[in-house]
Amino acid sequence: MERRFMSLSSGLQFLGVTNVIPVLAKTLTRTDSRLDQGRLQFSPREVMESPLMSMITPDERQSMQKEDNLEVLQLEVLDRHGRSYDMKFGYLGSNNAYEIQVTWASFCHTSLN
């Protein structure tokens, strides 16, 4: 399913961003947006069916599926205002979930305001 953003902020428009289609999207739950959370979780199905999987190399795919979560993908994430955040994306076997980690709480706090 293709999900588009409803509108772009002036910050993203200033950067020349148009017609954004997220490569990995999720409707946030109350738990996801708590400021004491250091991560955003995705089910394996959400990740495997996302456009993200067609954008990564076979080596990247293999490394992010290791259960020890020692290998992660480095991501640059832009919020709706055009601010950049360095994050990590990997699989956490104990939760059977993929996670975006590191600056998630900061991203959530600033992008929702």
PDB file of N, CA and C in Angstrom:
ATOM      1  N   MET A   1       0.847  -1.177   0.000  1.00  0.00           N
ATOM      2  CA  MET A   1       0.000   0.000   0.000  1.00  0.00           C
ATOM      3  C   MET A   1       0.893   1.240   0.000  1.00  0.00           C
ATOM      4  N   GLU A   2       0.651   2.136  -0.906  1.00  0.00           N
ATOM      5  CA  GLU A   2       1.410   3.373  -0.998  1.00  0.00           C
ATOM      6  C   GLU A   2       0.790   4.409  -0.077  1.00  0.00           C
ATOM      7  N   ARG A   3       1.627   5.001   0.780  1.00  0.00           N
ATOM      8  CA  ARG A   3       1.144   6.008   1.720  1.00  0.00           C
ATOM      9  C   ARG A   3       1.863   7.313   1.434  1.00  0.00           C
ATOM     10  N   ARG A   4       1.123   8.348   1.196  1.00  0.00           N
ATOM     11  CA  ARG A   4       1.704   9.670   0.943  1.00  0.00           C
ATOM     12  C   ARG A   4       1.435  10.573   2.136  1.00  0.00           C
ATOM     13  N   PHE A   5       2.320  11.541   2.303  1.00  0.00           N
ATOM     14  CA  PHE A   5       2.078  12.543   3.328  1.00  0.00           C
ATOM     15  C   PHE A   5       0.959  13.453   2.864  1.00  0.00           C
ATOM     16  N   MET A   6       0.122  13.863   3.797  1.00  0.00           N
ATOM     17  CA  MET A   6      -1.002  14.733   3.451  1.00  0.00           C
ATOM     18  C   MET A   6      -0.521  16.110   3.000  1.00  0.00           C
ATOM     19  N   SER A   7       0.477  16.650   3.672  1.00  0.00           N
ATOM     20  CA  SER A   7       1.006  17.953   3.283  1.00  0.00           C
ATOM     21  C   SER A   7       2.454  18.040   3.725  1.00  0.00           C
ATOM     22  N   LEU A   8       3.201  18.880   3.067  1.00  0.00           N
ATOM     23  CA  LEU A   8       4.602  19.078   3.398  1.00  0.00           C
ATOM     24  C   LEU A   8       4.767  20.401   4.120  1.00  0.00           C
ATOM     25  N   SER A   9       5.658  20.406   5.088  1.00  0.00           N
ATOM     26  CA  SER A   9       5.932  21.649   5.796  1.00  0.00           C
ATOM     27  C   SER A   9       6.714  22.590   4.888  1.00  0.00           C
ATOM     28  N   SER A  10       6.746  23.846   5.269  1.00  0.00           N
ATOM     29  CA  SER A  10       7.510  24.821   4.490  1.00  0.00           C
ATOM     30  C   SER A  10       8.995  24.476   4.519  1.00  0.00           C
ATOM     31  N   GLY A  11       9.473  23.861   5.617  1.00  0.00           N
ATOM     32  CA  GLY A  11      10.877  23.457   5.700  1.00  0.00           C
ATOM     33  C   GLY A  11      11.243  22.437   4.641  1.00  0.00           C
ATOM     34  N   LEU A  12      10.393  21.444   4.437  1.00  0.00           N
ATOM     35  CA  LEU A  12      10.654  20.446   3.401  1.00  0.00           C
ATOM     36  C   LEU A  12      10.475  21.038   2.011  1.00  0.00           C
ATOM     37  N   GLN A  13       9.494  21.891   1.840  1.00  0.00           N
ATOM     38  CA  GLN A  13       9.302  22.537   0.545  1.00  0.00           C
ATOM     39  C   GLN A  13      10.515  23.386   0.191  1.00  0.00           C
ATOM     40  N   PHE A  14      11.087  24.074   1.193  1.00  0.00           N
ATOM     41  CA  PHE A  14      12.279  24.893   0.983  1.00  0.00           C
ATOM     42  C   PHE A  14      13.446  24.032   0.505  1.00  0.00           C
ATOM     43  N   LEU A  15      13.532  22.795   0.994  1.00  0.00           N
ATOM     44  CA  LEU A  15      14.597  21.881   0.581  1.00  0.00           C
ATOM     45  C   LEU A  15      14.350  21.280  -0.802  1.00  0.00           C
ATOM     46  N   GLY A  16      13.205  21.592  -1.398  1.00  0.00           N
ATOM     47  CA  GLY A  16      12.879  21.073  -2.719  1.00  0.00           C
ATOM     48  C   GLY A  16      12.208  19.711  -2.695  1.00  0.00           C
ATOM     49  N   VAL A  17      11.746  19.294  -1.530  1.00  0.00           N
ATOM     50  CA  VAL A  17      11.082  17.998  -1.399  1.00  0.00           C
ATOM     51  C   VAL A  17       9.645  18.118  -1.897  1.00  0.00           C
ATOM     52  N   THR A  18       9.265  17.227  -2.795  1.00  0.00           N
ATOM     53  CA  THR A  18       7.894  17.197  -3.309  1.00  0.00           C
ATOM     54  C   THR A  18       7.435  15.753  -3.412  1.00  0.00           C
ATOM     55  N   ASN A  19       6.141  15.548  -3.350  1.00  0.00           N
ATOM     56  CA  ASN A  19       5.550  14.240  -3.606  1.00  0.00           C
ATOM     57  C   ASN A  19       6.225  13.118  -2.813  1.00  0.00           C
ATOM     58  N   VAL A  20       6.280  13.254  -1.514  1.00  0.00           N
ATOM     59  CA  VAL A  20       6.974  12.306  -0.649  1.00  0.00           C
ATOM     60  C   VAL A  20       6.169  11.018  -0.481  1.00  0.00           C
ATOM     61  N   ILE A  21       6.846   9.898  -0.687  1.00  0.00           N
ATOM     62  CA  ILE A  21       6.276   8.586  -0.393  1.00  0.00           C
ATOM     63  C   ILE A  21       7.203   7.927   0.618  1.00  0.00           C
ATOM     64  N   PRO A  22       6.744   7.703   1.847  1.00  0.00           N
ATOM     65  CA  PRO A  22       7.613   7.090   2.865  1.00  0.00           C
ATOM     66  C   PRO A  22       8.038   5.679   2.459  1.00  0.00           C
ATOM     67  N   VAL A  23       9.286   5.328   2.752  1.00  0.00           N
ATOM     68  CA  VAL A  23       9.755   3.975   2.470  1.00  0.00           C
ATOM     69  C   VAL A  23       9.449   3.029   3.622  1.00  0.00           C
ATOM     70  N   LEU A  24       9.152   3.584   4.777  1.00  0.00           N
ATOM     71  CA  LEU A  24       8.733   2.799   5.935  1.00  0.00           C
ATOM     72  C   LEU A  24       7.852   3.709   6.771  1.00  0.00           C
ATOM     73  N   ALA A  25       6.599   3.340   6.931  1.00  0.00           N
ATOM     74  CA  ALA A  25       5.646   4.216   7.618  1.00  0.00           C
ATOM     75  C   ALA A  25       4.864   3.427   8.651  1.00  0.00           C
ATOM     76  N   LYS A  26       4.447   4.131   9.679  1.00  0.00           N
ATOM     77  CA  LYS A  26       3.665   3.504  10.739  1.00  0.00           C
ATOM     78  C   LYS A  26       2.795   4.574  11.386  1.00  0.00           C
ATOM     79  N   THR A  27       1.558   4.220  11.675  1.00  0.00           N
ATOM     80  CA  THR A  27       0.714   5.098  12.472  1.00  0.00           C
ATOM     81  C   THR A  27       1.131   4.911  13.922  1.00  0.00           C
ATOM     82  N   LEU A  28       1.562   5.996  14.557  1.00  0.00           N
ATOM     83  CA  LEU A  28       2.108   5.886  15.906  1.00  0.00           C
ATOM     84  C   LEU A  28       1.039   5.572  16.935  1.00  0.00           C
ATOM     85  N   THR A  29       1.422   4.720  17.867  1.00  0.00           N
ATOM     86  CA  THR A  29       0.572   4.423  19.014  1.00  0.00           C
ATOM     87  C   THR A  29       0.973   5.340  20.158  1.00  0.00           C
ATOM     88  N   ARG A  30       0.203   5.337  21.208  1.00  0.00           N
ATOM     89  CA  ARG A  30       0.550   6.135  22.385  1.00  0.00           C
ATOM     90  C   ARG A  30       1.916   5.716  22.928  1.00  0.00           C
ATOM     91  N   THR A  31       2.178   4.414  22.959  1.00  0.00           N
ATOM     92  CA  THR A  31       3.466   3.915  23.441  1.00  0.00           C
ATOM     93  C   THR A  31       4.607   4.392  22.553  1.00  0.00           C
ATOM     94  N   ASP A  32       4.416   4.374  21.236  1.00  0.00           N
ATOM     95  CA  ASP A  32       5.464   4.808  20.305  1.00  0.00           C
ATOM     96  C   ASP A  32       5.891   6.245  20.547  1.00  0.00           C
ATOM     97  N   SER A  33       4.961   7.095  20.926  1.00  0.00           N
ATOM     98  CA  SER A  33       5.255   8.525  21.033  1.00  0.00           C
ATOM     99  C   SER A  33       5.582   8.985  22.449  1.00  0.00           C
ATOM    100  N   ARG A  34       5.742   8.046  23.370  1.00  0.00           N
ATOM    101  CA  ARG A  34       6.162   8.428  24.731  1.00  0.00           C
ATOM    102  C   ARG A  34       7.610   8.911  24.691  1.00  0.00           C
ATOM    103  N   LEU A  35       7.887   9.989  25.400  1.00  0.00           N
ATOM    104  CA  LEU A  35       9.226  10.580  25.358  1.00  0.00           C
ATOM    105  C   LEU A  35      10.280   9.722  26.041  1.00  0.00           C
ATOM    106  N   ASP A  36       9.866   8.763  26.869  1.00  0.00           N
ATOM    107  CA  ASP A  36      10.855   7.894  27.503  1.00  0.00           C
ATOM    108  C   ASP A  36      11.181   6.672  26.639  1.00  0.00           C
ATOM    109  N   GLN A  37      10.600   6.588  25.461  1.00  0.00           N
ATOM    110  CA  GLN A  37      10.910   5.493  24.541  1.00  0.00           C
ATOM    111  C   GLN A  37      12.135   5.870  23.717  1.00  0.00           C
ATOM    112  N   GLY A  38      13.068   4.971  23.618  1.00  0.00           N
ATOM    113  CA  GLY A  38      14.262   5.228  22.828  1.00  0.00           C
ATOM    114  C   GLY A  38      14.227   4.552  21.477  1.00  0.00           C
ATOM    115  N   ARG A  39      13.045   4.045  21.097  1.00  0.00           N
ATOM    116  CA  ARG A  39      12.971   3.306  19.842  1.00  0.00           C
ATOM    117  C   ARG A  39      11.549   3.317  19.287  1.00  0.00           C
ATOM    118  N   LEU A  40      11.462   3.012  18.005  1.00  0.00           N
ATOM    119  CA  LEU A  40      10.179   2.797  17.346  1.00  0.00           C
ATOM    120  C   LEU A  40      10.224   1.393  16.767  1.00  0.00           C
ATOM    121  N   GLN A  41       9.263   0.560  17.131  1.00  0.00           N
ATOM    122  CA  GLN A  41       9.259  -0.830  16.676  1.00  0.00           C
ATOM    123  C   GLN A  41       8.343  -1.038  15.475  1.00  0.00           C
ATOM    124  N   PHE A  42       8.769  -1.961  14.607  1.00  0.00           N
ATOM    125  CA  PHE A  42       7.999  -2.400  13.448  1.00  0.00           C
ATOM    126  C   PHE A  42       7.955  -3.916  13.448  1.00  0.00           C
ATOM    127  N   SER A  43       6.835  -4.481  13.060  1.00  0.00           N
ATOM    128  CA  SER A  43       6.748  -5.935  12.936  1.00  0.00           C
ATOM    129  C   SER A  43       7.566  -6.378  11.725  1.00  0.00           C
ATOM    130  N   PRO A  44       8.027  -7.632  11.723  1.00  0.00           N
ATOM    131  CA  PRO A  44       8.743  -8.123  10.538  1.00  0.00           C
ATOM    132  C   PRO A  44       7.918  -7.964   9.257  1.00  0.00           C
ATOM    133  N   ARG A  45       6.628  -8.174   9.337  1.00  0.00           N
ATOM    134  CA  ARG A  45       5.779  -8.042   8.148  1.00  0.00           C
ATOM    135  C   ARG A  45       5.778  -6.601   7.624  1.00  0.00           C
ATOM    136  N   GLU A  46       5.676  -5.608   8.533  1.00  0.00           N
ATOM    137  CA  GLU A  46       5.687  -4.202   8.110  1.00  0.00           C
ATOM    138  C   GLU A  46       6.970  -3.869   7.355  1.00  0.00           C
ATOM    139  N   VAL A  47       8.083  -4.413   7.834  1.00  0.00           N
ATOM    140  CA  VAL A  47       9.375  -4.126   7.210  1.00  0.00           C
ATOM    141  C   VAL A  47       9.521  -4.865   5.884  1.00  0.00           C
ATOM    142  N   MET A  48       9.217  -6.157   5.879  1.00  0.00           N
ATOM    143  CA  MET A  48       9.403  -6.964   4.669  1.00  0.00           C
ATOM    144  C   MET A  48       8.505  -6.519   3.519  1.00  0.00           C
ATOM    145  N   GLU A  49       7.355  -5.947   3.822  1.00  0.00           N
ATOM    146  CA  GLU A  49       6.434  -5.491   2.777  1.00  0.00           C
ATOM    147  C   GLU A  49       6.631  -4.018   2.415  1.00  0.00           C
ATOM    148  N   SER A  50       7.620  -3.373   2.995  1.00  0.00           N
ATOM    149  CA  SER A  50       7.835  -1.940   2.762  1.00  0.00           C
ATOM    150  C   SER A  50       8.735  -1.697   1.549  1.00  0.00           C
ATOM    151  N   PRO A  51       8.646  -0.506   0.954  1.00  0.00           N
ATOM    152  CA  PRO A  51       9.553  -0.142  -0.140  1.00  0.00           C
ATOM    153  C   PRO A  51      11.024  -0.114   0.287  1.00  0.00           C
ATOM    154  N   LEU A  52      11.293  -0.004   1.580  1.00  0.00           N
ATOM    155  CA  LEU A  52      12.672   0.018   2.074  1.00  0.00           C
ATOM    156  C   LEU A  52      13.446  -1.206   1.604  1.00  0.00           C
ATOM    157  N   MET A  53      12.804  -2.365   1.595  1.00  0.00           N
ATOM    158  CA  MET A  53      13.503  -3.601   1.258  1.00  0.00           C
ATOM    159  C   MET A  53      14.008  -3.614  -0.185  1.00  0.00           C
ATOM    160  N   SER A  54      13.369  -2.881  -1.066  1.00  0.00           N
ATOM    161  CA  SER A  54      13.839  -2.821  -2.455  1.00  0.00           C
ATOM    162  C   SER A  54      14.978  -1.821  -2.628  1.00  0.00           C
ATOM    163  N   MET A  55      15.277  -1.061  -1.589  1.00  0.00           N
ATOM    164  CA  MET A  55      16.298  -0.016  -1.680  1.00  0.00           C
ATOM    165  C   MET A  55      17.628  -0.421  -1.062  1.00  0.00           C
ATOM    166  N   ILE A  56      17.649  -1.522  -0.333  1.00  0.00           N
ATOM    167  CA  ILE A  56      18.883  -1.907   0.348  1.00  0.00           C
ATOM    168  C   ILE A  56      19.544  -3.073  -0.385  1.00  0.00           C
ATOM    169  N   THR A  57      20.843  -3.209  -0.177  1.00  0.00           N
ATOM    170  CA  THR A  57      21.600  -4.276  -0.832  1.00  0.00           C
ATOM    171  C   THR A  57      21.347  -5.605  -0.124  1.00  0.00           C
ATOM    172  N   PRO A  58      21.652  -6.719  -0.790  1.00  0.00           N
ATOM    173  CA  PRO A  58      21.522  -8.019  -0.118  1.00  0.00           C
ATOM    174  C   PRO A  58      22.364  -8.108   1.157  1.00  0.00           C
ATOM    175  N   ASP A  59      23.572  -7.526   1.144  1.00  0.00           N
ATOM    176  CA  ASP A  59      24.407  -7.545   2.350  1.00  0.00           C
ATOM    177  C   ASP A  59      23.763  -6.749   3.483  1.00  0.00           C
ATOM    178  N   GLU A  60      23.182  -5.591   3.157  1.00  0.00           N
ATOM    179  CA  GLU A  60      22.493  -4.797   4.181  1.00  0.00           C
ATOM    180  C   GLU A  60      21.291  -5.553   4.733  1.00  0.00           C
ATOM    181  N   ARG A  61      20.562  -6.202   3.854  1.00  0.00           N
ATOM    182  CA  ARG A  61      19.390  -6.970   4.287  1.00  0.00           C
ATOM    183  C   ARG A  61      19.812  -8.088   5.240  1.00  0.00           C
ATOM    184  N   GLN A  62      20.865  -8.799   4.881  1.00  0.00           N
ATOM    185  CA  GLN A  62      21.333  -9.897   5.725  1.00  0.00           C
ATOM    186  C   GLN A  62      21.825  -9.378   7.076  1.00  0.00           C
ATOM    187  N   SER A  63      22.561  -8.276   7.075  1.00  0.00           N
ATOM    188  CA  SER A  63      23.106  -7.761   8.333  1.00  0.00           C
ATOM    189  C   SER A  63      22.018  -7.252   9.265  1.00  0.00           C
ATOM    190  N   MET A  64      20.959  -6.656   8.722  1.00  0.00           N
ATOM    191  CA  MET A  64      19.918  -6.119   9.599  1.00  0.00           C
ATOM    192  C   MET A  64      18.982  -7.198  10.125  1.00  0.00           C
ATOM    193  N   GLN A  65      19.106  -8.418   9.630  1.00  0.00           N
ATOM    194  CA  GLN A  65      18.250  -9.498  10.093  1.00  0.00           C
ATOM    195  C   GLN A  65      18.926 -10.384  11.131  1.00  0.00           C
ATOM    196  N   LYS A  66      20.144 -10.049  11.520  1.00  0.00           N
ATOM    197  CA  LYS A  66      20.825 -10.824  12.554  1.00  0.00           C
ATOM    198  C   LYS A  66      20.151 -10.579  13.890  1.00  0.00           C
ATOM    199  N   GLU A  67      19.951 -11.657  14.635  1.00  0.00           N
ATOM    200  CA  GLU A  67      19.208 -11.553  15.886  1.00  0.00           C
ATOM    201  C   GLU A  67      19.982 -10.871  17.005  1.00  0.00           C
ATOM    202  N   ASP A  68      21.307 -10.761  16.885  1.00  0.00           N
ATOM    203  CA  ASP A  68      22.068 -10.143  17.966  1.00  0.00           C
ATOM    204  C   ASP A  68      22.020  -8.626  17.921  1.00  0.00           C
ATOM    205  N   ASN A  69      21.465  -8.065  16.855  1.00  0.00           N
ATOM    206  CA  ASN A  69      21.295  -6.617  16.715  1.00  0.00           C
ATOM    207  C   ASN A  69      22.619  -5.858  16.771  1.00  0.00           C
ATOM    208  N   LEU A  70      23.741  -6.547  16.532  1.00  0.00           N
ATOM    209  CA  LEU A  70      25.026  -5.857  16.518  1.00  0.00           C
ATOM    210  C   LEU A  70      25.262  -5.154  15.185  1.00  0.00           C
ATOM    211  N   GLU A  71      24.635  -5.650  14.152  1.00  0.00           N
ATOM    212  CA  GLU A  71      24.745  -5.046  12.829  1.00  0.00           C
ATOM    213  C   GLU A  71      23.473  -4.252  12.575  1.00  0.00           C
ATOM    214  N   VAL A  72      23.615  -3.008  12.263  1.00  0.00           N
ATOM    215  CA  VAL A  72      22.450  -2.162  12.019  1.00  0.00           C
ATOM    216  C   VAL A  72      22.700  -1.302  10.787  1.00  0.00           C
ATOM    217  N   LEU A  73      21.629  -0.817  10.217  1.00  0.00           N
ATOM    218  CA  LEU A  73      21.734   0.152   9.132  1.00  0.00           C
ATOM    219  C   LEU A  73      21.758   1.546   9.730  1.00  0.00           C
ATOM    220  N   GLN A  74      22.650   2.371   9.246  1.00  0.00           N
ATOM    221  CA  GLN A  74      22.682   3.770   9.646  1.00  0.00           C
ATOM    222  C   GLN A  74      21.697   4.521   8.755  1.00  0.00           C
ATOM    223  N   LEU A  75      20.801   5.272   9.363  1.00  0.00           N
ATOM    224  CA  LEU A  75      19.788   6.011   8.617  1.00  0.00           C
ATOM    225  C   LEU A  75      19.861   7.498   8.916  1.00  0.00           C
ATOM    226  N   GLU A  76      19.569   8.292   7.920  1.00  0.00           N
ATOM    227  CA  GLU A  76      19.301   9.711   8.145  1.00  0.00           C
ATOM    228  C   GLU A  76      17.801   9.879   7.958  1.00  0.00           C
ATOM    229  N   VAL A  77      17.134  10.353   8.986  1.00  0.00           N
ATOM    230  CA  VAL A  77      15.685  10.507   8.966  1.00  0.00           C
ATOM    231  C   VAL A  77      15.361  11.991   8.992  1.00  0.00           C
ATOM    232  N   LEU A  78      14.466  12.422   8.102  1.00  0.00           N
ATOM    233  CA  LEU A  78      14.009  13.810   8.086  1.00  0.00           C
ATOM    234  C   LEU A  78      12.623  13.878   8.694  1.00  0.00           C
ATOM    235  N   ASP A  79      12.415  14.855   9.581  1.00  0.00           N
ATOM    236  CA  ASP A  79      11.065  15.047  10.105  1.00  0.00           C
ATOM    237  C   ASP A  79      10.290  15.955   9.155  1.00  0.00           C
ATOM    238  N   ARG A  80       9.056  16.226   9.493  1.00  0.00           N
ATOM    239  CA  ARG A  80       8.204  17.003   8.587  1.00  0.00           C
ATOM    240  C   ARG A  80       8.640  18.454   8.453  1.00  0.00           C
ATOM    241  N   HIS A  81       9.576  18.894   9.302  1.00  0.00           N
ATOM    242  CA  HIS A  81      10.105  20.256   9.225  1.00  0.00           C
ATOM    243  C   HIS A  81      11.433  20.308   8.470  1.00  0.00           C
ATOM    244  N   GLY A  82      11.929  19.161   8.022  1.00  0.00           N
ATOM    245  CA  GLY A  82      13.186  19.107   7.294  1.00  0.00           C
ATOM    246  C   GLY A  82      14.405  18.937   8.173  1.00  0.00           C
ATOM    247  N   ARG A  83      14.212  18.736   9.477  1.00  0.00           N
ATOM    248  CA  ARG A  83      15.347  18.515  10.380  1.00  0.00           C
ATOM    249  C   ARG A  83      15.845  17.081  10.231  1.00  0.00           C
ATOM    250  N   SER A  84      17.155  16.918  10.312  1.00  0.00           N
ATOM    251  CA  SER A  84      17.797  15.625  10.097  1.00  0.00           C
ATOM    252  C   SER A  84      18.161  14.963  11.428  1.00  0.00           C
ATOM    253  N   TYR A  85      18.004  13.652  11.487  1.00  0.00           N
ATOM    254  CA  TYR A  85      18.338  12.861  12.676  1.00  0.00           C
ATOM    255  C   TYR A  85      19.101  11.624  12.224  1.00  0.00           C
ATOM    256  N   ASP A  86      20.216  11.328  12.902  1.00  0.00           N
ATOM    257  CA  ASP A  86      20.957  10.100  12.635  1.00  0.00           C
ATOM    258  C   ASP A  86      20.382   9.004  13.517  1.00  0.00           C
ATOM    259  N   MET A  87      19.947   7.915  12.895  1.00  0.00           N
ATOM    260  CA  MET A  87      19.339   6.818  13.642  1.00  0.00           C
ATOM    261  C   MET A  87      19.901   5.496  13.156  1.00  0.00           C
ATOM    262  N   LYS A  88      19.603   4.456  13.908  1.00  0.00           N
ATOM    263  CA  LYS A  88      20.018   3.100  13.560  1.00  0.00           C
ATOM    264  C   LYS A  88      18.770   2.242  13.415  1.00  0.00           C
ATOM    265  N   PHE A  89      18.845   1.300  12.474  1.00  0.00           N
ATOM    266  CA  PHE A  89      17.714   0.420  12.202  1.00  0.00           C
ATOM    267  C   PHE A  89      18.212  -1.014  12.195  1.00  0.00           C
ATOM    268  N   GLY A  90      17.586  -1.865  12.988  1.00  0.00           N
ATOM    269  CA  GLY A  90      18.002  -3.262  13.036  1.00  0.00           C
ATOM    270  C   GLY A  90      16.933  -4.143  13.651  1.00  0.00           C
ATOM    271  N   TYR A  91      17.259  -5.422  13.748  1.00  0.00           N
ATOM    272  CA  TYR A  91      16.330  -6.425  14.255  1.00  0.00           C
ATOM    273  C   TYR A  91      16.688  -6.770  15.694  1.00  0.00           C
ATOM    274  N   LEU A  92      15.693  -6.831  16.558  1.00  0.00           N
ATOM    275  CA  LEU A  92      15.885  -7.234  17.949  1.00  0.00           C
ATOM    276  C   LEU A  92      15.151  -8.550  18.147  1.00  0.00           C
ATOM    277  N   GLY A  93      15.907  -9.646  18.170  1.00  0.00           N
ATOM    278  CA  GLY A  93      15.330 -10.981  18.239  1.00  0.00           C
ATOM    279  C   GLY A  93      14.485 -11.220  19.474  1.00  0.00           C
ATOM    280  N   SER A  94      14.872 -10.646  20.606  1.00  0.00           N
ATOM    281  CA  SER A  94      14.118 -10.882  21.844  1.00  0.00           C
ATOM    282  C   SER A  94      12.702 -10.321  21.765  1.00  0.00           C
ATOM    283  N   ASN A  95      12.483  -9.323  20.920  1.00  0.00           N
ATOM    284  CA  ASN A  95      11.145  -8.747  20.734  1.00  0.00           C
ATOM    285  C   ASN A  95      10.503  -9.172  19.416  1.00  0.00           C
ATOM    286  N   ASN A  96      11.244  -9.922  18.596  1.00  0.00           N
ATOM    287  CA  ASN A  96      10.785 -10.289  17.253  1.00  0.00           C
ATOM    288  C   ASN A  96      10.279  -9.049  16.512  1.00  0.00           C
ATOM    289  N   ALA A  97      11.093  -8.003  16.547  1.00  0.00           N
ATOM    290  CA  ALA A  97      10.689  -6.735  15.939  1.00  0.00           C
ATOM    291  C   ALA A  97      11.913  -6.004  15.395  1.00  0.00           C
ATOM    292  N   TYR A  98      11.668  -5.191  14.391  1.00  0.00           N
ATOM    293  CA  TYR A  98      12.684  -4.268  13.899  1.00  0.00           C
ATOM    294  C   TYR A  98      12.522  -2.963  14.660  1.00  0.00           C
ATOM    295  N   GLU A  99      13.642  -2.267  14.856  1.00  0.00           N
ATOM    296  CA  GLU A  99      13.587  -1.027  15.632  1.00  0.00           C
ATOM    297  C   GLU A  99      14.396   0.077  14.978  1.00  0.00           C
ATOM    298  N   ILE A 100      13.850   1.287  15.052  1.00  0.00           N
ATOM    299  CA  ILE A 100      14.615   2.499  14.776  1.00  0.00           C
ATOM    300  C   ILE A 100      15.028   3.021  16.140  1.00  0.00           C
ATOM    301  N   GLN A 101      16.333   3.245  16.308  1.00  0.00           N
ATOM    302  CA  GLN A 101      16.864   3.591  17.625  1.00  0.00           C
ATOM    303  C   GLN A 101      17.716   4.849  17.583  1.00  0.00           C
ATOM    304  N   VAL A 102      18.160   5.238  18.724  1.00  0.00           N
ATOM    305  CA  VAL A 102      19.109   6.299  19.037  1.00  0.00           C
ATOM    306  C   VAL A 102      18.402   7.616  19.305  1.00  0.00           C
ATOM    307  N   THR A 103      18.045   8.378  18.292  1.00  0.00           N
ATOM    308  CA  THR A 103      17.453   9.694  18.552  1.00  0.00           C
ATOM    309  C   THR A 103      15.941   9.683  18.352  1.00  0.00           C
ATOM    310  N   TRP A 104      15.304   8.527  18.506  1.00  0.00           N
ATOM    311  CA  TRP A 104      13.864   8.436  18.282  1.00  0.00           C
ATOM    312  C   TRP A 104      13.093   9.391  19.182  1.00  0.00           C
ATOM    313  N   ALA A 105      13.408   9.438  20.479  1.00  0.00           N
ATOM    314  CA  ALA A 105      12.659  10.296  21.409  1.00  0.00           C
ATOM    315  C   ALA A 105      12.782  11.767  21.009  1.00  0.00           C
ATOM    316  N   SER A 106      13.975  12.187  20.620  1.00  0.00           N
ATOM    317  CA  SER A 106      14.178  13.571  20.186  1.00  0.00           C
ATOM    318  C   SER A 106      13.387  13.857  18.911  1.00  0.00           C
ATOM    319  N   PHE A 107      13.437  12.947  17.961  1.00  0.00           N
ATOM    320  CA  PHE A 107      12.667  13.083  16.726  1.00  0.00           C
ATOM    321  C   PHE A 107      11.182  13.207  17.035  1.00  0.00           C
ATOM    322  N   CYS A 108      10.696  12.339  17.883  1.00  0.00           N
ATOM    323  CA  CYS A 108       9.274  12.318  18.224  1.00  0.00           C
ATOM    324  C   CYS A 108       8.864  13.626  18.905  1.00  0.00           C
ATOM    325  N   HIS A 109       9.658  14.080  19.844  1.00  0.00           N
ATOM    326  CA  HIS A 109       9.333  15.293  20.598  1.00  0.00           C
ATOM    327  C   HIS A 109       9.299  16.526  19.691  1.00  0.00           C
ATOM    328  N   THR A 110      10.325  16.693  18.855  1.00  0.00           N
ATOM    329  CA  THR A 110      10.399  17.912  18.045  1.00  0.00           C
ATOM    330  C   THR A 110       9.489  17.872  16.827  1.00  0.00           C
ATOM    331  N   SER A 111       9.291  16.698  16.244  1.00  0.00           N
ATOM    332  CA  SER A 111       8.479  16.654  15.026  1.00  0.00           C
ATOM    333  C   SER A 111       6.984  16.692  15.312  1.00  0.00           C
ATOM    334  N   LEU A 112       6.585  16.368  16.523  1.00  0.00           N
ATOM    335  CA  LEU A 112       5.165  16.418  16.859  1.00  0.00           C
ATOM    336  C   LEU A 112       4.742  17.797  17.346  1.00  0.00           C
ATOM    337  N   ASN A 113       5.691  18.674  17.547  1.00  0.00           N
ATOM    338  CA  ASN A 113       5.381  20.031  18.021  1.00  0.00           C
ATOM    339  C   ASN A 113       5.423  21.036  16.897  1.00  0.00           C
TER     340      ASN A 113
END
